[in-house]
C-alpha atoms as a PDB file:
ATOM      1  CA  MET A   1      -0.036  -0.118   0.134  1.00  0.00           C
ATOM      2  CA  SER A   2       1.085   3.764  -0.487  1.00  0.00           C
ATOM      3  CA  LEU A   3       1.662   6.074   1.769  1.00  0.00           C
ATOM      4  CA  THR A   4       0.445   8.679  -1.135  1.00  0.00           C
ATOM      5  CA  GLU A   5      -2.921   5.864  -1.630  1.00  0.00           C
ATOM      6  CA  ALA A   6      -6.405   7.937  -0.528  1.00  0.00           C
ATOM      7  CA  CYS A   7      -9.541   5.939   0.463  1.00  0.00           C
ATOM      8  CA  CYS A   8     -11.616   6.305  -2.079  1.00  0.00           C
ATOM      9  CA  THR A   9     -15.113   7.509  -1.004  1.00  0.00           C
ATOM     10  CA  CYS A  10     -13.475   9.611   0.940  1.00  0.00           C
ATOM     11  CA  ALA A  11      -9.968  10.714  -0.636  1.00  0.00           C
ATOM     12  CA  THR A  12      -8.082  11.078   2.621  1.00  0.00           C
ATOM     13  CA  ILE A  13      -5.081   9.526   2.938  1.00  0.00           C
ATOM     14  CA  LEU A  14      -4.575   6.398   3.954  1.00  0.00           C
ATOM     15  CA  ALA A  15      -2.176   7.378   5.822  1.00  0.00           C
ATOM     16  CA  ASP A  16      -3.249   9.732   7.783  1.00  0.00           C
ATOM     17  CA  THR A  17      -6.837   8.471   8.710  1.00  0.00           C
ATOM     18  CA  LYS A  18      -7.723   6.600  11.785  1.00  0.00           C
ATOM     19  CA  VAL A  19      -8.346   2.924  12.699  1.00  0.00           C
ATOM     20  CA  PRO A  20     -11.701   2.677  15.224  1.00  0.00           C
ATOM     21  CA  TYR A  21     -10.873   0.694  18.522  1.00  0.00           C
ATOM     22  CA  ASP A  22     -13.645  -1.215  20.579  1.00  0.00           C
ATOM     23  CA  THR A  23     -13.667   0.690  24.113  1.00  0.00           C
ATOM     24  CA  GLU A  24     -14.174  -2.736  25.658  1.00  0.00           C
ATOM     25  CA  ASN A  25     -10.633  -4.722  24.559  1.00  0.00           C
ATOM     26  CA  GLU A  26      -9.044  -1.954  22.620  1.00  0.00           C
ATOM     27  CA  LYS A  27      -9.166  -3.813  19.652  1.00  0.00           C
ATOM     28  CA  PRO A  28      -9.814  -2.675  15.885  1.00  0.00           C
ATOM     29  CA  ILE A  29     -13.623  -3.068  15.133  1.00  0.00           C
ATOM     30  CA  CYS A  30     -12.662  -2.766  11.492  1.00  0.00           C
ATOM     31  CA  LEU A  31      -9.300  -2.551   9.301  1.00  0.00           C
ATOM     32  CA  ASP A  32      -8.942  -0.532   5.382  1.00  0.00           C
ATOM     33  CA  ARG A  33     -10.183  -2.544   2.808  1.00  0.00           C
ATOM     34  CA  ARG A  34      -8.843  -3.661  -0.607  1.00  0.00           C
ATOM     35  CA  LEU A  35     -11.656  -4.521  -2.298  1.00  0.00           C
ATOM     36  CA  GLU A  36     -10.528  -7.474  -4.918  1.00  0.00           C
ATOM     37  CA  CYS A  37     -13.334  -6.198  -7.745  1.00  0.00           C
ATOM     38  CA  CYS A  38     -11.241  -3.372  -8.914  1.00  0.00           C
ATOM     39  CA  GLY A  39      -8.336  -2.986  -6.336  1.00  0.00           C
ATOM     40  CA  ARG A  40      -9.459   0.602  -4.527  1.00  0.00           C
ATOM     41  CA  THR A  41      -9.528   0.992  -0.122  1.00  0.00           C
ATOM     42  CA  ILE A  42     -11.855   2.063   1.551  1.00  0.00           C
ATOM     43  CA  CYS A  43     -10.545   3.370   4.508  1.00  0.00           C
ATOM     44  CA  ALA A  44     -11.727   1.756   8.116  1.00  0.00           C
ATOM     45  CA  THR A  45     -13.480   5.338   8.924  1.00  0.00           C
ATOM     46  CA  CYS A  46     -15.805   5.672   6.642  1.00  0.00           C
ATOM     47  CA  GLN A  47     -16.084   1.631   7.023  1.00  0.00           C
ATOM     48  CA  TYR A  48     -17.160   2.268  10.247  1.00  0.00           C
ATOM     49  CA  LYS A  49     -19.617   5.213   9.847  1.00  0.00           C
ATOM     50  CA  ASN A  50     -21.743   3.764   6.738  1.00  0.00           C
ATOM     51  CA  ASP A  51     -21.752  -0.358   7.184  1.00  0.00           C
ATOM     52  CA  ARG A  52     -22.515  -0.449   3.632  1.00  0.00           C
ATOM     53  CA  PHE A  53     -19.101  -0.298   2.982  1.00  0.00           C
ATOM     54  CA  ARG A  54     -18.112  -3.238   4.518  1.00  0.00           C
ATOM     55  CA  THR A  55     -18.572  -5.729   1.324  1.00  0.00           C
ATOM     56  CA  TYR A  56     -19.790  -2.892  -0.976  1.00  0.00           C
ATOM     57  CA  CYS A  57     -17.988  -1.320  -3.916  1.00  0.00           C
ATOM     58  CA  PRO A  58     -19.757   1.663  -4.733  1.00  0.00           C
ATOM     59  CA  PHE A  59     -17.806   1.779  -8.205  1.00  0.00           C
ATOM     60  CA  CYS A  60     -18.082  -1.560  -9.675  1.00  0.00           C
ATOM     61  CA  GLN A  61     -21.520  -1.632  -7.773  1.00  0.00           C
ATOM     62  CA  GLN A  62     -20.979  -5.871  -6.872  1.00  0.00           C
ATOM     63  CA  SER A  63     -21.454  -6.771  -3.025  1.00  0.00           C
ATOM     64  CA  THR A  64     -20.133  -9.448  -1.004  1.00  0.00           C
ATOM     65  CA  GLY A  65     -23.198  -9.776   1.678  1.00  0.00           C
ATOM     66  CA  PRO A  66     -26.625  -9.112   1.554  1.00  0.00           C
ATOM     67  CA  SER A  67     -27.611  -7.293  -1.443  1.00  0.00           C
ATOM     68  CA  ALA A  68     -30.419  -6.523  -3.550  1.00  0.00           C
ATOM     69  CA  LEU A  69     -27.935  -6.412  -6.808  1.00  0.00           C
ATOM     70  CA  PRO A  70     -26.822  -8.925  -8.755  1.00  0.00           C
ATOM     71  CA  ALA A  71     -23.154 -10.960  -7.679  1.00  0.00           C
ATOM     72  CA  GLU A  72     -22.001  -9.763 -10.655  1.00  0.00           C
ATOM     73  CA  GLY A  73     -23.266  -5.786 -10.449  1.00  0.00           C
ATOM     74  CA  LEU A  74     -25.504  -3.940 -12.528  1.00  0.00           C
ATOM     75  CA  ARG A  75     -26.012  -5.333 -15.808  1.00  0.00           C
ATOM     76  CA  LEU A  76     -27.675  -3.030 -19.239  1.00  0.00           C
ATOM     77  CA  PRO A  77     -31.438  -3.238 -19.327  1.00  0.00           C
ATOM     78  CA  PRO A  78     -32.241  -5.530 -21.710  1.00  0.00           C
ATOM     79  CA  SER A  79     -32.522  -4.808 -25.751  1.00  0.00           C
ATOM     80  CA  TYR A  80     -36.560  -3.523 -26.677  1.00  0.00           C
ATOM     81  CA  LYS A  81     -36.406  -4.691 -29.769  1.00  0.00           C
ATOM     82  CA  ASP A  82     -37.802  -7.105 -32.030  1.00  0.00           C
ATOM     83  CA  ASP A  83     -35.386 -10.074 -31.948  1.00  0.00           C
ATOM     84  CA  GLU A  84     -36.716 -13.727 -34.172  1.00  0.00           C
ATOM     85  CA  LYS A  85     -33.736 -15.177 -32.282  1.00  0.00           C
ATOM     86  CA  ARG A  86     -35.166 -14.930 -29.240  1.00  0.00           C
ATOM     87  CA  PRO A  87     -39.048 -13.692 -28.556  1.00  0.00           C
ATOM     88  CA  HIS A  88     -40.380 -11.767 -25.692  1.00  0.00           C
ATOM     89  CA  ASP A  89     -42.007 -13.299 -23.451  1.00  0.00           C
ATOM     90  CA  PRO A  90     -44.894 -11.898 -22.294  1.00  0.00           C
ATOM     91  CA  PRO A  91     -45.546  -9.783 -19.504  1.00  0.00           C
ATOM     92  CA  PRO A  92     -47.207 -11.549 -16.131  1.00  0.00           C
ATOM     93  CA  ALA A  93     -50.843 -10.979 -15.341  1.00  0.00           C
ATOM     94  CA  TYR A  94     -52.193  -8.957 -12.914  1.00  0.00           C
ATOM     95  CA  ASP A  95     -53.939 -11.376 -10.966  1.00  0.00           C
ATOM     96  CA  SER A  96     -50.503 -13.739 -10.523  1.00  0.00           C
ATOM     97  CA  LEU A  97     -50.125 -12.921  -7.138  1.00  0.00           C
ATOM     98  CA  THR A  98     -47.741 -14.546  -4.822  1.00  0.00           C
ATOM     99  CA  PRO A  99     -48.000 -16.054  -1.486  1.00  0.00           C
ATOM    100  CA  ASN A 100     -47.774 -13.229   0.310  1.00  0.00           C
ATOM    101  CA  THR A 101     -49.994 -10.752  -1.157  1.00  0.00           C
ATOM    102  CA  GLN A 102     -53.314  -9.828  -2.059  1.00  0.00           C
ATOM    103  CA  ALA A 103     -55.163  -8.385  -4.446  1.00  0.00           C
ATOM    104  CA  VAL A 104     -57.293  -5.127  -2.325  1.00  0.00           C
ATOM    105  CA  SER A 105     -59.606  -2.563  -4.730  1.00  0.00           C
ATOM    106  CA  GLY A 106     -58.065  -3.140  -7.560  1.00  0.00           C
ATOM    107  CA  GLN A 107     -54.046  -3.025  -6.033  1.00  0.00           C
ATOM    108  CA  THR A 108     -51.716  -5.706  -4.882  1.00  0.00           C
ATOM    109  CA  VAL A 109     -50.657  -4.678  -1.017  1.00  0.00           C
ATOM    110  CA  ILE A 110     -47.903  -7.534   0.292  1.00  0.00           C
ATOM    111  CA  ARG A 111     -49.557  -9.735   2.916  1.00  0.00           C
ATOM    112  CA  PRO A 112     -47.271 -11.033   6.218  1.00  0.00           C
ATOM    113  CA  PRO A 113     -46.140 -14.420   5.407  1.00  0.00           C
ATOM    114  CA  GLU A 114     -48.992 -16.900   6.841  1.00  0.00           C
ATOM    115  CA  ASN A 115     -46.168 -20.440   7.742  1.00  0.00           C
ATOM    116  CA  THR A 116     -44.300 -17.816   9.424  1.00  0.00           C
ATOM    117  CA  GLU A 117     -42.791 -18.451  13.045  1.00  0.00           C
ATOM    118  CA  ASP A 118     -41.631 -15.031  13.539  1.00  0.00           C
ATOM    119  CA  THR A 119     -43.190 -12.333  14.619  1.00  0.00           C
ATOM    120  CA  VAL A 120     -44.600 -10.201  13.211  1.00  0.00           C
ATOM    121  CA  HIS A 121     -44.629  -6.020  13.636  1.00  0.00           C
ATOM    122  CA  PHE A 122     -47.178  -4.092  11.895  1.00  0.00           C
ATOM    123  CA  LEU A 123     -45.727   0.127  11.336  1.00  0.00           C
ATOM    124  CA  SER A 124     -47.132   3.066  12.613  1.00  0.00           C
ATOM    125  CA  SER A 125     -45.631   6.247  11.319  1.00  0.00           C
ATOM    126  CA  GLU A 126     -43.882   6.573  14.878  1.00  0.00           C
ATOM    127  CA  ASP A 127     -41.392   3.222  14.316  1.00  0.00           C
ATOM    128  CA  THR A 128     -37.691   3.614  13.769  1.00  0.00           C
ATOM    129  CA  LEU A 129     -35.716   0.863  13.120  1.00  0.00           C
ATOM    130  CA  GLN A 130     -33.829   2.142  16.362  1.00  0.00           C
ATOM    131  CA  SER A 131     -37.210   2.530  18.306  1.00  0.00           C
ATOM    132  CA  LEU A 132     -37.945  -1.284  17.381  1.00  0.00           C
ATOM    133  CA  SER A 133     -34.560  -2.242  18.261  1.00  0.00           C
ATOM    134  CA  LEU A 134     -35.734  -1.081  22.391  1.00  0.00           C
ATOM    135  CA  ALA A 135     -38.210  -2.835  21.707  1.00  0.00           C
ATOM    136  CA  TYR A 136     -37.960  -5.964  20.944  1.00  0.00           C
ATOM    137  CA  ARG A 137     -34.135  -6.291  22.045  1.00  0.00           C
ATOM    138  CA  VAL A 138     -33.584  -6.737  18.663  1.00  0.00           C
ATOM    139  CA  PRO A 139     -30.003  -5.037  17.512  1.00  0.00           C
ATOM    140  CA  GLN A 140     -31.006  -3.346  14.054  1.00  0.00           C
ATOM    141  CA  ASN A 141     -28.252  -4.818  11.851  1.00  0.00           C
ATOM    142  CA  VAL A 142     -29.788  -8.010  13.121  1.00  0.00           C
ATOM    143  CA  LEU A 143     -32.900  -6.051  11.327  1.00  0.00           C
ATOM    144  CA  ARG A 144     -31.922  -4.878   8.437  1.00  0.00           C
ATOM    145  CA  ARG A 145     -30.363  -8.365   7.931  1.00  0.00           C
ATOM    146  CA  HIS A 146     -33.809 -10.664   7.686  1.00  0.00           C
ATOM    147  CA  ASN A 147     -36.032  -7.718   6.516  1.00  0.00           C
ATOM    148  CA  ASN A 148     -33.495  -7.154   4.097  1.00  0.00           C
ATOM    149  CA  LEU A 149     -34.117  -3.715   4.666  1.00  0.00           C
ATOM    150  CA  PHE A 150     -30.316  -2.100   2.731  1.00  0.00           C
ATOM    151  CA  SER A 151     -30.803   1.477   3.590  1.00  0.00           C
ATOM    152  CA  ASP A 152     -32.988   2.999   7.293  1.00  0.00           C
ATOM    153  CA  SER A 153     -34.831   5.072   4.878  1.00  0.00           C
ATOM    154  CA  LEU A 154     -36.884   1.604   3.159  1.00  0.00           C
ATOM    155  CA  LEU A 155     -39.014   1.300   6.779  1.00  0.00           C
ATOM    156  CA  LEU A 156     -40.636   3.737   5.532  1.00  0.00           C
ATOM    157  CA  ALA A 157     -42.345   2.123   2.677  1.00  0.00           C
ATOM    158  CA  ARG A 158     -42.525  -1.544   4.620  1.00  0.00           C
ATOM    159  CA  LYS A 159     -46.060  -2.144   6.213  1.00  0.00           C
ATOM    160  CA  PHE A 160     -45.172  -4.585   8.384  1.00  0.00           C
ATOM    161  CA  VAL A 161     -41.096  -6.223   9.661  1.00  0.00           C
ATOM    162  CA  LEU A 162     -40.456  -9.485  10.748  1.00  0.00           C
ATOM    163  CA  ILE A 163     -38.786 -10.364  14.126  1.00  0.00           C
ATOM    164  CA  PRO A 164     -36.848 -12.971  14.304  1.00  0.00           C
ATOM    165  CA  ARG A 165     -37.626 -15.573  16.943  1.00  0.00           C
ATOM    166  CA  SER A 166     -34.807 -16.810  17.971  1.00  0.00           C
ATOM    167  CA  TYR A 167     -34.206 -12.421  19.360  1.00  0.00           C
ATOM    168  CA  TYR A 168     -38.159 -12.233  20.517  1.00  0.00           C
ATOM    169  CA  ASP A 169     -40.401 -15.462  21.291  1.00  0.00           C
ATOM    170  CA  GLY A 170     -43.650 -13.620  22.241  1.00  0.00           C
ATOM    171  CA  PRO A 171     -46.406 -11.439  21.019  1.00  0.00           C
ATOM    172  CA  PRO A 172     -46.179  -8.521  18.790  1.00  0.00           C
ATOM    173  CA  LEU A 173     -46.104  -4.475  20.285  1.00  0.00           C
ATOM    174  CA  SER A 174     -48.431  -3.271  17.636  1.00  0.00           C
ATOM    175  CA  SER A 175     -52.371  -4.332  15.743  1.00  0.00           C
ATOM    176  CA  PRO A 176     -53.012  -5.143  12.219  1.00  0.00           C
ATOM    177  CA  PRO A 177     -54.266  -2.744  10.686  1.00  0.00           C
ATOM    178  CA  ASP A 178     -57.882  -1.876   9.849  1.00  0.00           C
ATOM    179  CA  PRO A 179     -59.151  -2.890   6.916  1.00  0.00           C
ATOM    180  CA  GLU A 180     -61.462   0.008   6.026  1.00  0.00           C
ATOM    181  CA  GLU A 181     -58.756   2.745   7.145  1.00  0.00           C
ATOM    182  CA  GLU A 182     -56.715   1.215   5.181  1.00  0.00           C
ATOM    183  CA  GLU A 183     -59.822   1.602   2.317  1.00  0.00           C
ATOM    184  CA  ARG A 184     -60.346   4.993   2.604  1.00  0.00           C
ATOM    185  CA  LYS A 185     -56.109   5.106   2.540  1.00  0.00           C
ATOM    186  CA  ASN A 186     -55.949   3.409  -0.459  1.00  0.00           C
ATOM    187  CA  LYS A 187     -58.991   6.588  -2.342  1.00  0.00           C
ATOM    188  CA  VAL A 188     -57.287   8.944  -1.393  1.00  0.00           C
ATOM    189  CA  ARG A 189     -54.484   8.057  -3.131  1.00  0.00           C
ATOM    190  CA  LYS A 190     -56.480   6.979  -6.307  1.00  0.00           C
ATOM    191  CA  TRP A 191     -58.648  10.655  -5.575  1.00  0.00           C
ATOM    192  CA  MET A 192     -55.186  12.484  -5.615  1.00  0.00           C
ATOM    193  CA  MET A 193     -53.689  10.562  -9.040  1.00  0.00           C
ATOM    194  CA  ARG A 194     -57.063  10.788 -10.821  1.00  0.00           C
ATOM    195  CA  THR A 195     -57.470  14.935 -10.697  1.00  0.00           C
ATOM    196  CA  LYS A 196     -53.334  15.802  -9.886  1.00  0.00           C
ATOM    197  CA  CYS A 197     -54.080  17.165  -6.417  1.00  0.00           C
ATOM    198  CA  ALA A 198     -51.755  16.115  -3.462  1.00  0.00           C
ATOM    199  CA  GLU A 199     -53.197  17.966  -0.240  1.00  0.00           C
ATOM    200  CA  TYR A 200     -54.388  15.534   1.823  1.00  0.00           C
ATOM    201  CA  SER A 201     -56.995  17.760   3.456  1.00  0.00           C
ATOM    202  CA  MET A 202     -58.726  18.504   0.063  1.00  0.00           C
ATOM    203  CA  ALA A 203     -59.197  14.740  -0.634  1.00  0.00           C
ATOM    204  CA  LEU A 204     -60.703  14.101   3.178  1.00  0.00           C
ATOM    205  CA  LEU A 205     -62.944  16.863   2.207  1.00  0.00           C
ATOM    206  CA  TYR A 206     -64.240  16.274  -1.709  1.00  0.00           C
ATOM    207  CA  LEU A 207     -64.414  11.894  -0.541  1.00  0.00           C
ATOM    208  CA  LYS A 208     -66.039  12.965   2.727  1.00  0.00           C
ATOM    209  CA  GLY A 209     -68.832  15.197   0.492  1.00  0.00           C
ATOM    210  CA  SER A 210     -69.032  12.081  -1.384  1.00  0.00           C
ATOM    211  CA  GLN A 211     -69.232   9.219   1.455  1.00  0.00           C
ATOM    212  CA  TYR A 212     -66.012   8.328  -0.322  1.00  0.00           C
ATOM    213  CA  ASP A 213     -67.586   7.630  -3.514  1.00  0.00           C
ATOM    214  CA  LEU A 214     -64.660   8.191  -6.062  1.00  0.00           C
ATOM    215  CA  ASP A 215     -66.178   8.411  -8.731  1.00  0.00           C
ATOM    216  CA  ILE A 216     -68.311  11.315  -7.400  1.00  0.00           C
ATOM    217  CA  ALA A 217     -65.663  12.535  -5.154  1.00  0.00           C
ATOM    218  CA  VAL A 218     -63.561  12.960  -8.632  1.00  0.00           C
ATOM    219  CA  GLU A 219     -66.160  14.464 -10.349  1.00  0.00           C
ATOM    220  CA  SER A 220     -67.081  17.380  -7.913  1.00  0.00           C
ATOM    221  CA  PHE A 221     -63.453  18.090  -8.533  1.00  0.00           C
ATOM    222  CA  LYS A 222     -63.135  18.905 -12.123  1.00  0.00           C
ATOM    223  CA  ALA A 223     -66.466  20.243 -11.989  1.00  0.00           C
ATOM    224  CA  ASP A 224     -65.421  22.642  -9.217  1.00  0.00           C
ATOM    225  CA  GLU A 225     -61.802  22.909 -11.194  1.00  0.00           C
ATOM    226  CA  GLN A 226     -64.137  24.124 -14.472  1.00  0.00           C
ATOM    227  CA  TRP A 227     -66.725  26.163 -13.010  1.00  0.00           C
ATOM    228  CA  GLU A 228     -63.136  28.085 -11.404  1.00  0.00           C
ATOM    229  CA  LYS A 229     -61.250  28.508 -14.770  1.00  0.00           C
ATOM    230  CA  GLU A 230     -64.383  29.277 -16.369  1.00  0.00           C
ATOM    231  CA  HIS A 231     -64.375  32.169 -13.831  1.00  0.00           C
ATOM    232  CA  PRO A 232     -61.624  33.605 -12.961  1.00  0.00           C
ATOM    233  CA  MET A 233     -61.014  36.461  -9.541  1.00  0.00           C
ATOM    234  CA  ASP A 234     -61.019  40.267 -10.303  1.00  0.00           C
ATOM    235  CA  ASN A 235     -57.762  40.603  -8.485  1.00  0.00           C
ATOM    236  CA  SER A 236     -58.587  44.012  -7.510  1.00  0.00           C
ATOM    237  CA  LYS A 237     -60.889  43.370  -5.518  1.00  0.00           C
ATOM    238  CA  GLY A 238     -59.658  39.500  -5.211  1.00  0.00           C
ATOM    239  CA  LYS A 239     -63.694  38.274  -5.810  1.00  0.00           C
ATOM    240  CA  HIS A 240     -65.470  36.721  -8.388  1.00  0.00           C
ATOM    241  CA  LYS A 241     -66.433  38.742 -11.095  1.00  0.00           C
ATOM    242  CA  ASP A 242     -69.729  37.243 -10.741  1.00  0.00           C
ATOM    243  CA  ARG A 243     -70.019  36.268  -7.872  1.00  0.00           C
ATOM    244  CA  PRO A 244     -73.348  38.287  -6.689  1.00  0.00           C
ATOM    245  CA  HIS A 245     -75.384  36.679  -9.659  1.00  0.00           C
ATOM    246  CA  ARG A 246     -74.095  33.288  -9.403  1.00  0.00           C
ATOM    247  CA  ARG A 247     -75.852  30.586  -7.868  1.00  0.00           C
ATOM    248  CA  PHE A 248     -74.005  27.741  -5.994  1.00  0.00           C
ATOM    249  CA  GLY A 249     -75.758  24.608  -6.622  1.00  0.00           C
ATOM    250  CA  SER A 250     -74.431  21.553  -4.704  1.00  0.00           C
ATOM    251  CA  SER A 251     -71.062  22.025  -5.642  1.00  0.00           C
ATOM    252  CA  LEU A 252     -68.624  21.628  -2.360  1.00  0.00           C
ATOM    253  CA  VAL A 253     -67.025  25.284  -3.677  1.00  0.00           C
ATOM    254  CA  GLY A 254     -70.794  26.136  -3.435  1.00  0.00           C
ATOM    255  CA  GLN A 255     -70.398  24.417  -0.276  1.00  0.00           C
ATOM    256  CA  LEU A 256     -67.627  25.882   0.851  1.00  0.00           C
ATOM    257  CA  SER A 257     -67.887  30.471  -0.210  1.00  0.00           C
END
């Protein structure tokens, strides 16, 4: 190793980097790692700050440990041109669900495995890896590896996590989500996509006004939006030009005005 060689991630000279030591036995936690794929070196400090660098190469995108990427790294996407020698397989049908998925309101929802021995914890907006680790007394790296979480931010997209039975053998510290509440959330998301309006309070307003009938809520929003385009506001007064002469019907804009 050359004295002028630097870390490939932080660009610090390897001779100037500090090796992190364990405070209990004073042994080094990790050392400088020479990457077999490209010959670069990642210093011990970067590995200590980011555990992924101990098994992953950010340049070749290869991993020697658990990873969502293939062992040989990323590949080029397949060609979309017609190839007579190798015909393309048709895409899978929407109703071809895996054992742990279920169709709910036209959407594929991932369900926990039925025959698992692990404890299923349904996530809420307040759950984090640190809070789950403290509640179930499971190390965070075990939770990541057991649930294939390669980044802490991926927890936000999950509905549940599996707690290994070898660490916790007891009842879950959460309750399964209410199916009716999940149905309402799905309608809110569909309303936002169909109306291209990302305001959550506006979606609830129209859905509650239509008794959570998605089609009626979307049509009401579009009708109000069309009326506002046809009757622009007078910027000098901040009012609609024909407001004194308009008789509002059953639209929500009329009810709120």
